Amino acid sequence: MSTWEQQQNQQKQQQKLTLISRAQDEQKRKLLSMDFKLNQVLSKLITLTHAKQAPFAGRHSMTQFAASWNMAMDRFERNSNRLLNRMQQNVKKWQREHERHEHINRLEEPALADCSELDEQQRVDGVYKLLEPEWNEVHRDFHERSCAFATAGPAWTIIQRRSSVGNFQLDNFNRSWNEYRTGFGDFTKDFWFGNEFIHRIVDRDDYVLRIELQFQNGTQLWTEYELFRLDSESYNYQLVIGQLNGNSSMSDALINHNRMDFRAYDRNGNDECYGGWWFDRCQDAQSNLNAHSIIWGNNGHNEYLVKASRMLIRPRHSDPLDGDDIYAEDSIY
């Protein structure tokens, strides 16, 4: 049994125990109420007995009291049994209702494997949990995705988002190799999805990469690469990109990073390099969305002052091209 199945079974057992505990609490409350009422009845019986008979007036008064006591106890026992049966029926009813809702939810929420499978009619951006949770060592779920309908067609999976806060201060993306491997940040804010997760997604199909930049003057530009792959950690998450989409609204600052290894300050890099990216020498990088400032432009200089960035991917069958046209001219793949 998988960890997820064990968690689900534990949750179901906990829900059942909660229902039973709730029923027991309700039963105790009603029994206490009945006990209180019984004491009131007994008090009245004793009062009436003393009012009509002198104290210790003989066997006849005690016989009447005993008969009244027995009647009260019989009534209490009948009411208690009836209440207990009713509570047991309610528990079974709650359990059946819970199981029915659980079945309905499974029917209404079909399993999705990718953001691109979301309903294109509703087009709702947000964080989605797809398939069964699959946690990595830092408790990030492979099947939890930040999805966006950034363009026409199916939704994209956001793998990087970064924006300035306050006085144009960018969130710290100068992270270790392991942090870039497992992912960091908050899907509702700034984050890196995780190189291992990205590799697993794009390794099963051809994916398109879209990069969006927002500048201080309000300008928003984008570029797309018709193929995006990330090799495994054994090959340092080497980058492979295809040709640039001819409709892109900004220049190609990533092509010179093609087939380069991913680097971080503590692996394949040096102390002068800030932020994980694909390069040989960070000083010569023409792009680095994770640097101290967001870099996109020739010779490592920004064409404009970039305020925010995000990287998105989706299967290439959403943006079909003919045959080998998706590959860069000098690609070895």
C-alpha atoms as a PDB file:
ATOM      1  CA  MET A   1       0.000   0.000   0.000  1.00  0.00           C
ATOM      2  CA  SER A   2       1.380   3.424  -0.989  1.00  0.00           C
ATOM      3  CA  THR A   3       1.930   6.267   1.473  1.00  0.00           C
ATOM      4  CA  TRP A   4      -0.933   8.180  -0.119  1.00  0.00           C
ATOM      5  CA  GLU A   5      -3.304   5.208   0.301  1.00  0.00           C
ATOM      6  CA  GLN A   6      -2.280   4.873   3.933  1.00  0.00           C
ATOM      7  CA  GLN A   7      -2.964   8.580   4.480  1.00  0.00           C
ATOM      8  CA  GLN A   8      -6.368   8.241   2.823  1.00  0.00           C
ATOM      9  CA  ASN A   9      -7.288   5.238   4.974  1.00  0.00           C
ATOM     10  CA  GLN A  10      -6.188   7.076   8.101  1.00  0.00           C
ATOM     11  CA  GLN A  11      -8.302  10.087   7.116  1.00  0.00           C
ATOM     12  CA  LYS A  12     -11.348   7.874   6.508  1.00  0.00           C
ATOM     13  CA  GLN A  13     -10.918   6.137   9.852  1.00  0.00           C
ATOM     14  CA  GLN A  14     -10.535   9.512  11.558  1.00  0.00           C
ATOM     15  CA  GLN A  15     -13.717  10.771   9.913  1.00  0.00           C
ATOM     16  CA  LYS A  16     -15.635   7.696  11.077  1.00  0.00           C
ATOM     17  CA  LEU A  17     -14.300   8.098  14.611  1.00  0.00           C
ATOM     18  CA  THR A  18     -15.336  11.762  14.540  1.00  0.00           C
ATOM     19  CA  LEU A  19     -18.877  10.787  13.528  1.00  0.00           C
ATOM     20  CA  ILE A  20     -19.098   8.184  16.289  1.00  0.00           C
ATOM     21  CA  SER A  21     -17.654  10.580  18.860  1.00  0.00           C
ATOM     22  CA  ARG A  22     -20.154  13.236  17.811  1.00  0.00           C
ATOM     23  CA  ALA A  23     -23.012  10.748  18.195  1.00  0.00           C
ATOM     24  CA  GLN A  24     -21.763   9.652  21.601  1.00  0.00           C
ATOM     25  CA  ASP A  25     -21.511  13.242  22.792  1.00  0.00           C
ATOM     26  CA  GLU A  26     -25.066  13.875  21.646  1.00  0.00           C
ATOM     27  CA  GLN A  27     -26.213  10.722  23.419  1.00  0.00           C
ATOM     28  CA  LYS A  28     -24.496  11.764  26.658  1.00  0.00           C
ATOM     29  CA  ARG A  29     -26.116  15.174  26.467  1.00  0.00           C
ATOM     30  CA  LYS A  30     -29.574  13.685  26.084  1.00  0.00           C
ATOM     31  CA  LEU A  31     -28.991  11.103  28.812  1.00  0.00           C
ATOM     32  CA  LEU A  32     -27.876  13.835  31.185  1.00  0.00           C
ATOM     33  CA  SER A  33     -30.995  15.783  30.309  1.00  0.00           C
ATOM     34  CA  MET A  34     -33.140  12.740  31.009  1.00  0.00           C
ATOM     35  CA  ASP A  35     -31.308  12.113  34.269  1.00  0.00           C
ATOM     36  CA  PHE A  36     -31.979  15.684  35.315  1.00  0.00           C
ATOM     37  CA  LYS A  37     -35.680  15.324  34.489  1.00  0.00           C
ATOM     38  CA  LEU A  38     -35.836  11.997  36.348  1.00  0.00           C
ATOM     39  CA  ASN A  39     -34.389  13.630  39.444  1.00  0.00           C
ATOM     40  CA  GLN A  40     -37.043  16.323  39.173  1.00  0.00           C
ATOM     41  CA  VAL A  41     -39.753  13.633  38.999  1.00  0.00           C
ATOM     42  CA  LEU A  42     -38.330  11.788  41.986  1.00  0.00           C
ATOM     43  CA  SER A  43     -38.156  14.988  43.971  1.00  0.00           C
ATOM     44  CA  LYS A  44     -41.836  15.654  43.259  1.00  0.00           C
ATOM     45  CA  LEU A  45     -42.741  12.073  44.223  1.00  0.00           C
ATOM     46  CA  ILE A  46     -40.914  12.384  47.517  1.00  0.00           C
ATOM     47  CA  THR A  47     -42.511  15.749  48.179  1.00  0.00           C
ATOM     48  CA  LEU A  48     -46.002  14.404  47.445  1.00  0.00           C
ATOM     49  CA  THR A  49     -45.375  11.350  49.596  1.00  0.00           C
ATOM     50  CA  HIS A  50     -44.318  13.486  52.557  1.00  0.00           C
ATOM     51  CA  ALA A  51     -47.198  15.866  52.032  1.00  0.00           C
ATOM     52  CA  LYS A  52     -49.829  13.117  52.151  1.00  0.00           C
ATOM     53  CA  GLN A  53     -48.218  10.861  54.760  1.00  0.00           C
ATOM     54  CA  ALA A  54     -46.646  11.707  58.025  1.00  0.00           C
ATOM     55  CA  PRO A  55     -42.964  10.937  58.237  1.00  0.00           C
ATOM     56  CA  PHE A  56     -42.354   7.227  58.539  1.00  0.00           C
ATOM     57  CA  ALA A  57     -46.103   6.598  58.486  1.00  0.00           C
ATOM     58  CA  GLY A  58     -45.759   2.911  57.889  1.00  0.00           C
ATOM     59  CA  ARG A  59     -45.486   0.217  55.291  1.00  0.00           C
ATOM     60  CA  HIS A  60     -48.272   1.507  53.004  1.00  0.00           C
ATOM     61  CA  SER A  61     -46.515   4.801  52.180  1.00  0.00           C
ATOM     62  CA  MET A  62     -43.232   3.048  51.555  1.00  0.00           C
ATOM     63  CA  THR A  63     -44.958   0.598  49.201  1.00  0.00           C
ATOM     64  CA  GLN A  64     -46.428   3.495  47.202  1.00  0.00           C
ATOM     65  CA  PHE A  65     -43.047   5.143  46.996  1.00  0.00           C
ATOM     66  CA  ALA A  66     -41.395   1.912  45.822  1.00  0.00           C
ATOM     67  CA  ALA A  67     -44.053   1.451  43.133  1.00  0.00           C
ATOM     68  CA  SER A  68     -43.573   5.024  41.900  1.00  0.00           C
ATOM     69  CA  TRP A  69     -39.812   4.525  41.898  1.00  0.00           C
ATOM     70  CA  ASN A  70     -40.072   1.338  39.842  1.00  0.00           C
ATOM     71  CA  MET A  71     -42.377   3.015  37.305  1.00  0.00           C
ATOM     72  CA  ALA A  72     -39.946   5.915  36.931  1.00  0.00           C
ATOM     73  CA  MET A  73     -36.988   3.569  36.466  1.00  0.00           C
ATOM     74  CA  ASP A  74     -38.872   1.483  33.877  1.00  0.00           C
ATOM     75  CA  ARG A  75     -39.702   4.638  31.945  1.00  0.00           C
ATOM     76  CA  PHE A  76     -36.085   5.796  32.166  1.00  0.00           C
ATOM     77  CA  GLU A  77     -34.809   2.437  30.872  1.00  0.00           C
ATOM     78  CA  ARG A  78     -37.277   2.420  27.960  1.00  0.00           C
ATOM     79  CA  ASN A  79     -36.375   5.993  26.995  1.00  0.00           C
ATOM     80  CA  SER A  80     -32.646   5.256  27.286  1.00  0.00           C
ATOM     81  CA  ASN A  81     -32.897   2.193  25.035  1.00  0.00           C
ATOM     82  CA  ARG A  82     -34.988   4.098  22.540  1.00  0.00           C
ATOM     83  CA  LEU A  83     -32.474   6.982  22.539  1.00  0.00           C
ATOM     84  CA  LEU A  84     -29.541   4.588  22.136  1.00  0.00           C
ATOM     85  CA  ASN A  85     -31.181   2.873  19.141  1.00  0.00           C
ATOM     86  CA  ARG A  86     -31.911   6.240  17.576  1.00  0.00           C
ATOM     87  CA  MET A  87     -28.301   7.347  18.045  1.00  0.00           C
ATOM     88  CA  GLN A  88     -26.991   4.146  16.460  1.00  0.00           C
ATOM     89  CA  GLN A  89     -29.295   4.652  13.480  1.00  0.00           C
ATOM     90  CA  ASN A  90     -28.062   8.232  13.097  1.00  0.00           C
ATOM     91  CA  VAL A  91     -24.424   7.094  13.145  1.00  0.00           C
ATOM     92  CA  LYS A  92     -25.138   4.593  10.356  1.00  0.00           C
ATOM     93  CA  LYS A  93     -27.020   7.276   8.438  1.00  0.00           C
ATOM     94  CA  TRP A  94     -24.097   9.732   8.743  1.00  0.00           C
ATOM     95  CA  GLN A  95     -21.658   7.054   7.593  1.00  0.00           C
ATOM     96  CA  ARG A  96     -23.809   6.215   4.549  1.00  0.00           C
ATOM     97  CA  GLU A  97     -24.141   9.932   3.719  1.00  0.00           C
ATOM     98  CA  HIS A  98     -20.382  10.440   4.013  1.00  0.00           C
ATOM     99  CA  GLU A  99     -19.670   7.462   1.743  1.00  0.00           C
ATOM    100  CA  ARG A 100     -22.233   8.732  -0.784  1.00  0.00           C
ATOM    101  CA  HIS A 101     -20.637  12.211  -0.913  1.00  0.00           C
ATOM    102  CA  GLU A 102     -17.204  10.615  -1.206  1.00  0.00           C
ATOM    103  CA  HIS A 103     -18.388   8.585  -4.199  1.00  0.00           C
ATOM    104  CA  ILE A 104     -19.981  11.657  -5.813  1.00  0.00           C
ATOM    105  CA  ASN A 105     -16.779  13.671  -5.368  1.00  0.00           C
ATOM    106  CA  ARG A 106     -14.749  10.942  -7.059  1.00  0.00           C
ATOM    107  CA  LEU A 107     -17.162  11.029 -10.011  1.00  0.00           C
ATOM    108  CA  GLU A 108     -17.186  14.828 -10.248  1.00  0.00           C
ATOM    109  CA  GLU A 109     -13.418  15.280 -10.005  1.00  0.00           C
ATOM    110  CA  PRO A 110     -11.742  13.216 -12.742  1.00  0.00           C
ATOM    111  CA  ALA A 111      -8.009  12.777 -12.350  1.00  0.00           C
ATOM    112  CA  LEU A 112      -5.918  15.202 -14.400  1.00  0.00           C
ATOM    113  CA  ALA A 113      -2.236  14.728 -15.154  1.00  0.00           C
ATOM    114  CA  ASP A 114      -1.304  18.180 -16.479  1.00  0.00           C
ATOM    115  CA  CYS A 115      -2.485  21.792 -16.440  1.00  0.00           C
ATOM    116  CA  SER A 116      -3.146  21.474 -20.186  1.00  0.00           C
ATOM    117  CA  GLU A 117      -6.019  19.092 -19.378  1.00  0.00           C
ATOM    118  CA  LEU A 118      -8.017  21.706 -17.459  1.00  0.00           C
ATOM    119  CA  ASP A 119     -11.386  22.839 -18.795  1.00  0.00           C
ATOM    120  CA  GLU A 120     -10.719  25.383 -21.551  1.00  0.00           C
ATOM    121  CA  GLN A 121     -14.275  26.714 -21.271  1.00  0.00           C
ATOM    122  CA  GLN A 122     -13.880  27.869 -17.667  1.00  0.00           C
ATOM    123  CA  ARG A 123     -10.266  29.099 -18.030  1.00  0.00           C
ATOM    124  CA  VAL A 124      -9.587  29.589 -14.330  1.00  0.00           C
ATOM    125  CA  ASP A 125      -5.973  30.296 -13.307  1.00  0.00           C
ATOM    126  CA  GLY A 126      -4.824  28.967  -9.957  1.00  0.00           C
ATOM    127  CA  VAL A 127      -3.117  26.233  -7.974  1.00  0.00           C
ATOM    128  CA  TYR A 128      -4.456  22.757  -8.764  1.00  0.00           C
ATOM    129  CA  LYS A 129      -3.870  19.368  -7.160  1.00  0.00           C
ATOM    130  CA  LEU A 130      -3.672  16.739  -9.919  1.00  0.00           C
ATOM    131  CA  LEU A 131      -3.713  12.973  -9.401  1.00  0.00           C
ATOM    132  CA  GLU A 132      -2.550  11.437  -6.121  1.00  0.00           C
ATOM    133  CA  PRO A 133      -0.063  13.460  -4.060  1.00  0.00           C
ATOM    134  CA  GLU A 134       3.554  12.487  -4.593  1.00  0.00           C
ATOM    135  CA  TRP A 135       5.831  14.219  -2.106  1.00  0.00           C
ATOM    136  CA  ASN A 136       9.554  14.789  -2.444  1.00  0.00           C
ATOM    137  CA  GLU A 137      11.998  15.043   0.457  1.00  0.00           C
ATOM    138  CA  VAL A 138      11.033  18.646   1.269  1.00  0.00           C
ATOM    139  CA  HIS A 139       7.305  17.815   1.166  1.00  0.00           C
ATOM    140  CA  ARG A 140       6.539  19.452  -2.157  1.00  0.00           C
ATOM    141  CA  ASP A 141       3.904  17.643  -4.201  1.00  0.00           C
ATOM    142  CA  PHE A 142       4.793  16.734  -7.797  1.00  0.00           C
ATOM    143  CA  HIS A 143       1.115  16.833  -8.749  1.00  0.00           C
ATOM    144  CA  GLU A 144       0.406  20.268  -7.288  1.00  0.00           C
ATOM    145  CA  ARG A 145       0.739  22.813 -10.094  1.00  0.00           C
ATOM    146  CA  SER A 146       0.321  26.517 -10.672  1.00  0.00           C
ATOM    147  CA  CYS A 147      -1.730  26.692 -13.891  1.00  0.00           C
ATOM    148  CA  ALA A 148      -2.393  29.693 -16.114  1.00  0.00           C
ATOM    149  CA  PHE A 149      -4.368  30.288 -19.307  1.00  0.00           C
ATOM    150  CA  ALA A 150      -1.718  32.703 -20.550  1.00  0.00           C
ATOM    151  CA  THR A 151      -2.677  32.351 -24.230  1.00  0.00           C
ATOM    152  CA  ALA A 152      -5.372  30.821 -26.393  1.00  0.00           C
ATOM    153  CA  GLY A 153      -5.685  27.066 -26.077  1.00  0.00           C
ATOM    154  CA  PRO A 154      -4.912  24.816 -23.098  1.00  0.00           C
ATOM    155  CA  ALA A 155      -3.475  26.014 -19.805  1.00  0.00           C
ATOM    156  CA  TRP A 156       0.248  26.279 -19.102  1.00  0.00           C
ATOM    157  CA  THR A 157       2.221  25.003 -16.101  1.00  0.00           C
ATOM    158  CA  ILE A 158       4.167  27.841 -14.465  1.00  0.00           C
ATOM    159  CA  ILE A 159       7.661  26.666 -13.493  1.00  0.00           C
ATOM    160  CA  GLN A 160       9.112  30.035 -12.441  1.00  0.00           C
ATOM    161  CA  ARG A 161       7.633  33.289 -11.198  1.00  0.00           C
ATOM    162  CA  ARG A 162       9.512  36.234  -9.817  1.00  0.00           C
ATOM    163  CA  SER A 163       8.473  39.827  -9.227  1.00  0.00           C
ATOM    164  CA  SER A 164       9.716  42.900  -7.451  1.00  0.00           C
ATOM    165  CA  VAL A 165       8.240  44.013  -4.162  1.00  0.00           C
ATOM    166  CA  GLY A 166       8.429  47.357  -2.471  1.00  0.00           C
ATOM    167  CA  ASN A 167      11.332  49.444  -3.796  1.00  0.00           C
ATOM    168  CA  PHE A 168      12.046  47.134  -6.742  1.00  0.00           C
ATOM    169  CA  GLN A 169      13.483  44.481  -4.444  1.00  0.00           C
ATOM    170  CA  LEU A 170      13.359  40.990  -5.951  1.00  0.00           C
ATOM    171  CA  ASP A 171      12.891  37.877  -3.845  1.00  0.00           C
ATOM    172  CA  ASN A 172      16.107  35.981  -3.070  1.00  0.00           C
ATOM    173  CA  PHE A 173      16.712  33.355  -5.760  1.00  0.00           C
ATOM    174  CA  ASN A 174      20.355  32.778  -4.830  1.00  0.00           C
ATOM    175  CA  ARG A 175      19.628  29.229  -3.678  1.00  0.00           C
ATOM    176  CA  SER A 176      21.610  26.020  -3.425  1.00  0.00           C
ATOM    177  CA  TRP A 177      21.655  23.178  -5.939  1.00  0.00           C
ATOM    178  CA  ASN A 178      19.360  21.096  -3.755  1.00  0.00           C
ATOM    179  CA  GLU A 179      16.854  23.925  -3.430  1.00  0.00           C
ATOM    180  CA  TYR A 180      16.727  24.321  -7.204  1.00  0.00           C
ATOM    181  CA  ARG A 181      16.465  20.550  -7.544  1.00  0.00           C
ATOM    182  CA  THR A 182      13.531  20.149  -5.117  1.00  0.00           C
ATOM    183  CA  GLY A 183      11.882  23.524  -5.679  1.00  0.00           C
ATOM    184  CA  PHE A 184      11.256  26.493  -3.398  1.00  0.00           C
ATOM    185  CA  GLY A 185       8.880  29.365  -2.845  1.00  0.00           C
ATOM    186  CA  ASP A 186       5.111  29.771  -2.746  1.00  0.00           C
ATOM    187  CA  PHE A 187       2.883  29.058  -5.761  1.00  0.00           C
ATOM    188  CA  THR A 188       0.813  32.151  -4.927  1.00  0.00           C
ATOM    189  CA  LYS A 189       3.929  34.347  -4.883  1.00  0.00           C
ATOM    190  CA  ASP A 190       7.474  33.784  -6.214  1.00  0.00           C
ATOM    191  CA  PHE A 191       8.789  30.254  -6.761  1.00  0.00           C
ATOM    192  CA  TRP A 192      10.924  27.796  -8.711  1.00  0.00           C
ATOM    193  CA  PHE A 193       9.007  24.592  -9.439  1.00  0.00           C
ATOM    194  CA  GLY A 194      12.048  22.318  -9.065  1.00  0.00           C
ATOM    195  CA  ASN A 195      14.458  20.920 -11.655  1.00  0.00           C
ATOM    196  CA  GLU A 196      13.640  17.311 -10.842  1.00  0.00           C
ATOM    197  CA  PHE A 197       9.912  17.919 -11.221  1.00  0.00           C
ATOM    198  CA  ILE A 198      10.455  19.857 -14.462  1.00  0.00           C
ATOM    199  CA  HIS A 199      12.645  17.065 -15.846  1.00  0.00           C
ATOM    200  CA  ARG A 200      10.006  14.460 -15.051  1.00  0.00           C
ATOM    201  CA  ILE A 201       7.292  16.453 -16.809  1.00  0.00           C
ATOM    202  CA  VAL A 202       9.138  17.285 -20.033  1.00  0.00           C
ATOM    203  CA  ASP A 203      10.852  13.898 -20.250  1.00  0.00           C
ATOM    204  CA  ARG A 204       7.592  12.157 -21.183  1.00  0.00           C
ATOM    205  CA  ASP A 205       6.625  14.412 -24.105  1.00  0.00           C
ATOM    206  CA  ASP A 206       7.757  17.373 -26.224  1.00  0.00           C
ATOM    207  CA  TYR A 207       7.010  20.625 -24.419  1.00  0.00           C
ATOM    208  CA  VAL A 208       6.940  24.287 -25.417  1.00  0.00           C
ATOM    209  CA  LEU A 209       8.620  26.927 -23.237  1.00  0.00           C
ATOM    210  CA  ARG A 210       7.122  30.399 -22.885  1.00  0.00           C
ATOM    211  CA  ILE A 211       8.920  33.262 -21.135  1.00  0.00           C
ATOM    212  CA  GLU A 212       7.058  36.420 -20.136  1.00  0.00           C
ATOM    213  CA  LEU A 213       8.673  39.631 -18.890  1.00  0.00           C
ATOM    214  CA  GLN A 214       7.122  42.744 -17.423  1.00  0.00           C
ATOM    215  CA  PHE A 215       9.098  45.981 -17.412  1.00  0.00           C
ATOM    216  CA  GLN A 216       9.104  48.999 -15.153  1.00  0.00           C
ATOM    217  CA  ASN A 217       7.361  51.126 -17.773  1.00  0.00           C
ATOM    218  CA  GLY A 218       4.449  48.661 -17.908  1.00  0.00           C
ATOM    219  CA  THR A 219       5.507  46.952 -21.141  1.00  0.00           C
ATOM    220  CA  GLN A 220       4.854  43.193 -21.268  1.00  0.00           C
ATOM    221  CA  LEU A 221       6.736  41.041 -23.781  1.00  0.00           C
ATOM    222  CA  TRP A 222       7.027  37.311 -24.404  1.00  0.00           C
ATOM    223  CA  THR A 223       8.958  34.693 -26.309  1.00  0.00           C
ATOM    224  CA  GLU A 224       8.335  31.007 -26.977  1.00  0.00           C
ATOM    225  CA  TYR A 225      10.604  28.100 -27.851  1.00  0.00           C
ATOM    226  CA  GLU A 226       8.967  25.275 -29.766  1.00  0.00           C
ATOM    227  CA  LEU A 227      10.894  22.643 -27.843  1.00  0.00           C
ATOM    228  CA  PHE A 228      11.968  22.550 -24.203  1.00  0.00           C
ATOM    229  CA  ARG A 229      13.759  19.702 -22.483  1.00  0.00           C
ATOM    230  CA  LEU A 230      15.649  19.318 -19.251  1.00  0.00           C
ATOM    231  CA  ASP A 231      18.021  16.398 -18.838  1.00  0.00           C
ATOM    232  CA  SER A 232      18.320  14.407 -15.596  1.00  0.00           C
ATOM    233  CA  GLU A 233      20.403  15.378 -12.582  1.00  0.00           C
ATOM    234  CA  SER A 234      23.103  12.945 -13.729  1.00  0.00           C
ATOM    235  CA  TYR A 235      23.628  15.342 -16.662  1.00  0.00           C
ATOM    236  CA  ASN A 236      23.277  18.467 -14.509  1.00  0.00           C
ATOM    237  CA  TYR A 237      19.769  19.239 -15.795  1.00  0.00           C
ATOM    238  CA  GLN A 238      21.202  20.278 -19.152  1.00  0.00           C
ATOM    239  CA  LEU A 239      18.973  22.610 -21.165  1.00  0.00           C
ATOM    240  CA  VAL A 240      17.704  21.797 -24.665  1.00  0.00           C
ATOM    241  CA  ILE A 241      15.587  24.321 -26.566  1.00  0.00           C
ATOM    242  CA  GLY A 242      14.227  24.402 -30.105  1.00  0.00           C
ATOM    243  CA  GLN A 243      13.624  27.244 -32.509  1.00  0.00           C
ATOM    244  CA  LEU A 244      12.116  30.567 -31.507  1.00  0.00           C
ATOM    245  CA  ASN A 245       8.464  31.203 -32.268  1.00  0.00           C
ATOM    246  CA  GLY A 246       8.462  33.760 -35.075  1.00  0.00           C
ATOM    247  CA  ASN A 247       5.659  35.743 -33.445  1.00  0.00           C
ATOM    248  CA  SER A 248       7.627  36.356 -30.252  1.00  0.00           C
ATOM    249  CA  SER A 249       7.616  39.981 -29.152  1.00  0.00           C
ATOM    250  CA  MET A 250      11.170  40.090 -27.744  1.00  0.00           C
ATOM    251  CA  SER A 251      14.626  38.956 -28.777  1.00  0.00           C
ATOM    252  CA  ASP A 252      16.146  35.528 -28.241  1.00  0.00           C
ATOM    253  CA  ALA A 253      18.432  35.701 -25.200  1.00  0.00           C
ATOM    254  CA  LEU A 254      18.394  31.987 -24.406  1.00  0.00           C
ATOM    255  CA  ILE A 255      19.762  30.355 -27.564  1.00  0.00           C
ATOM    256  CA  ASN A 256      23.374  30.780 -26.445  1.00  0.00           C
ATOM    257  CA  HIS A 257      22.526  28.821 -23.301  1.00  0.00           C
ATOM    258  CA  ASN A 258      21.307  25.849 -25.303  1.00  0.00           C
ATOM    259  CA  ARG A 259      22.833  22.501 -24.202  1.00  0.00           C
ATOM    260  CA  MET A 260      24.461  24.114 -21.146  1.00  0.00           C
ATOM    261  CA  ASP A 261      24.429  22.582 -17.672  1.00  0.00           C
ATOM    262  CA  PHE A 262      22.429  24.088 -14.854  1.00  0.00           C
ATOM    263  CA  ARG A 263      24.595  25.781 -12.248  1.00  0.00           C
ATOM    264  CA  ALA A 264      24.143  27.068  -8.715  1.00  0.00           C
ATOM    265  CA  TYR A 265      26.582  28.793  -6.399  1.00  0.00           C
ATOM    266  CA  ASP A 266      27.458  25.499  -4.666  1.00  0.00           C
ATOM    267  CA  ARG A 267      27.656  23.276  -7.757  1.00  0.00           C
ATOM    268  CA  ASN A 268      29.306  23.958 -11.117  1.00  0.00           C
ATOM    269  CA  GLY A 269      29.382  27.645 -10.230  1.00  0.00           C
ATOM    270  CA  ASN A 270      31.403  30.050  -8.119  1.00  0.00           C
ATOM    271  CA  ASP A 271      30.875  32.714  -5.490  1.00  0.00           C
ATOM    272  CA  GLU A 272      30.511  35.415  -8.145  1.00  0.00           C
ATOM    273  CA  CYS A 273      27.468  33.726  -9.680  1.00  0.00           C
ATOM    274  CA  TYR A 274      24.082  34.710  -8.271  1.00  0.00           C
ATOM    275  CA  GLY A 275      20.999  32.587  -8.900  1.00  0.00           C
ATOM    276  CA  GLY A 276      20.716  29.180 -10.552  1.00  0.00           C
ATOM    277  CA  TRP A 277      20.673  29.116 -14.384  1.00  0.00           C
ATOM    278  CA  TRP A 278      22.194  27.465 -17.461  1.00  0.00           C
ATOM    279  CA  PHE A 279      25.589  28.926 -18.356  1.00  0.00           C
ATOM    280  CA  ASP A 280      29.335  28.298 -18.648  1.00  0.00           C
ATOM    281  CA  ARG A 281      30.439  31.586 -17.095  1.00  0.00           C
ATOM    282  CA  CYS A 282      27.799  33.666 -15.342  1.00  0.00           C
ATOM    283  CA  GLN A 283      29.630  36.868 -16.329  1.00  0.00           C
ATOM    284  CA  ASP A 284      28.916  36.070 -19.984  1.00  0.00           C
ATOM    285  CA  ALA A 285      25.269  35.092 -19.475  1.00  0.00           C
ATOM    286  CA  GLN A 286      22.866  36.735 -21.908  1.00  0.00           C
ATOM    287  CA  SER A 287      19.942  35.702 -19.740  1.00  0.00           C
ATOM    288  CA  ASN A 288      19.317  34.748 -16.126  1.00  0.00           C
ATOM    289  CA  LEU A 289      15.849  35.247 -14.721  1.00  0.00           C
ATOM    290  CA  ASN A 290      17.091  34.154 -11.294  1.00  0.00           C
ATOM    291  CA  ALA A 291      20.038  36.557 -10.977  1.00  0.00           C
ATOM    292  CA  HIS A 292      20.318  39.503  -8.585  1.00  0.00           C
ATOM    293  CA  SER A 293      18.354  41.420 -11.209  1.00  0.00           C
ATOM    294  CA  ILE A 294      16.352  39.774 -13.984  1.00  0.00           C
ATOM    295  CA  ILE A 295      18.663  39.557 -17.000  1.00  0.00           C
ATOM    296  CA  TRP A 296      17.391  39.278 -20.558  1.00  0.00           C
ATOM    297  CA  GLY A 297      19.413  40.808 -23.342  1.00  0.00           C
ATOM    298  CA  ASN A 298      22.673  40.839 -25.259  1.00  0.00           C
ATOM    299  CA  ASN A 299      25.956  40.371 -23.361  1.00  0.00           C
ATOM    300  CA  GLY A 300      24.197  40.039 -20.043  1.00  0.00           C
ATOM    301  CA  HIS A 301      22.741  43.565 -20.114  1.00  0.00           C
ATOM    302  CA  ASN A 302      19.020  44.186 -19.735  1.00  0.00           C
ATOM    303  CA  GLU A 303      17.297  45.640 -22.778  1.00  0.00           C
ATOM    304  CA  TYR A 304      14.907  47.266 -20.312  1.00  0.00           C
ATOM    305  CA  LEU A 305      14.619  47.306 -16.549  1.00  0.00           C
ATOM    306  CA  VAL A 306      12.706  44.088 -15.889  1.00  0.00           C
ATOM    307  CA  LYS A 307      10.173  44.130 -13.074  1.00  0.00           C
ATOM    308  CA  ALA A 308       8.828  40.567 -13.204  1.00  0.00           C
ATOM    309  CA  SER A 309       9.243  37.280 -15.030  1.00  0.00           C
ATOM    310  CA  ARG A 310       7.628  33.918 -15.368  1.00  0.00           C
ATOM    311  CA  MET A 311       8.397  30.716 -17.267  1.00  0.00           C
ATOM    312  CA  LEU A 312       5.611  28.443 -18.476  1.00  0.00           C
ATOM    313  CA  ILE A 313       5.462  25.082 -20.260  1.00  0.00           C
ATOM    314  CA  ARG A 314       2.804  22.972 -21.968  1.00  0.00           C
ATOM    315  CA  PRO A 315       2.786  19.969 -24.322  1.00  0.00           C
ATOM    316  CA  ARG A 316       3.809  20.757 -27.884  1.00  0.00           C
ATOM    317  CA  HIS A 317       0.698  19.084 -29.325  1.00  0.00           C
ATOM    318  CA  SER A 318      -1.096  22.221 -28.118  1.00  0.00           C
ATOM    319  CA  ASP A 319       1.079  24.254 -30.537  1.00  0.00           C
ATOM    320  CA  PRO A 320       1.810  21.854 -33.426  1.00  0.00           C
ATOM    321  CA  LEU A 321       4.484  22.549 -36.012  1.00  0.00           C
ATOM    322  CA  ASP A 322       5.460  20.334 -38.896  1.00  0.00           C
ATOM    323  CA  GLY A 323       8.021  17.603 -38.320  1.00  0.00           C
ATOM    324  CA  ASP A 324      11.533  18.686 -37.466  1.00  0.00           C
ATOM    325  CA  ASP A 325      10.743  22.399 -37.612  1.00  0.00           C
ATOM    326  CA  ILE A 326      10.611  22.494 -33.823  1.00  0.00           C
ATOM    327  CA  TYR A 327      14.349  21.859 -33.521  1.00  0.00           C
ATOM    328  CA  ALA A 328      16.993  24.549 -33.703  1.00  0.00           C
ATOM    329  CA  GLU A 329      19.130  24.394 -36.822  1.00  0.00           C
ATOM    330  CA  ASP A 330      22.234  23.379 -34.894  1.00  0.00           C
ATOM    331  CA  SER A 331      20.471  20.967 -32.558  1.00  0.00           C
ATOM    332  CA  ILE A 332      21.938  17.478 -32.208  1.00  0.00           C
ATOM    333  CA  TYR A 333      18.566  16.061 -31.058  1.00  0.00           C
END
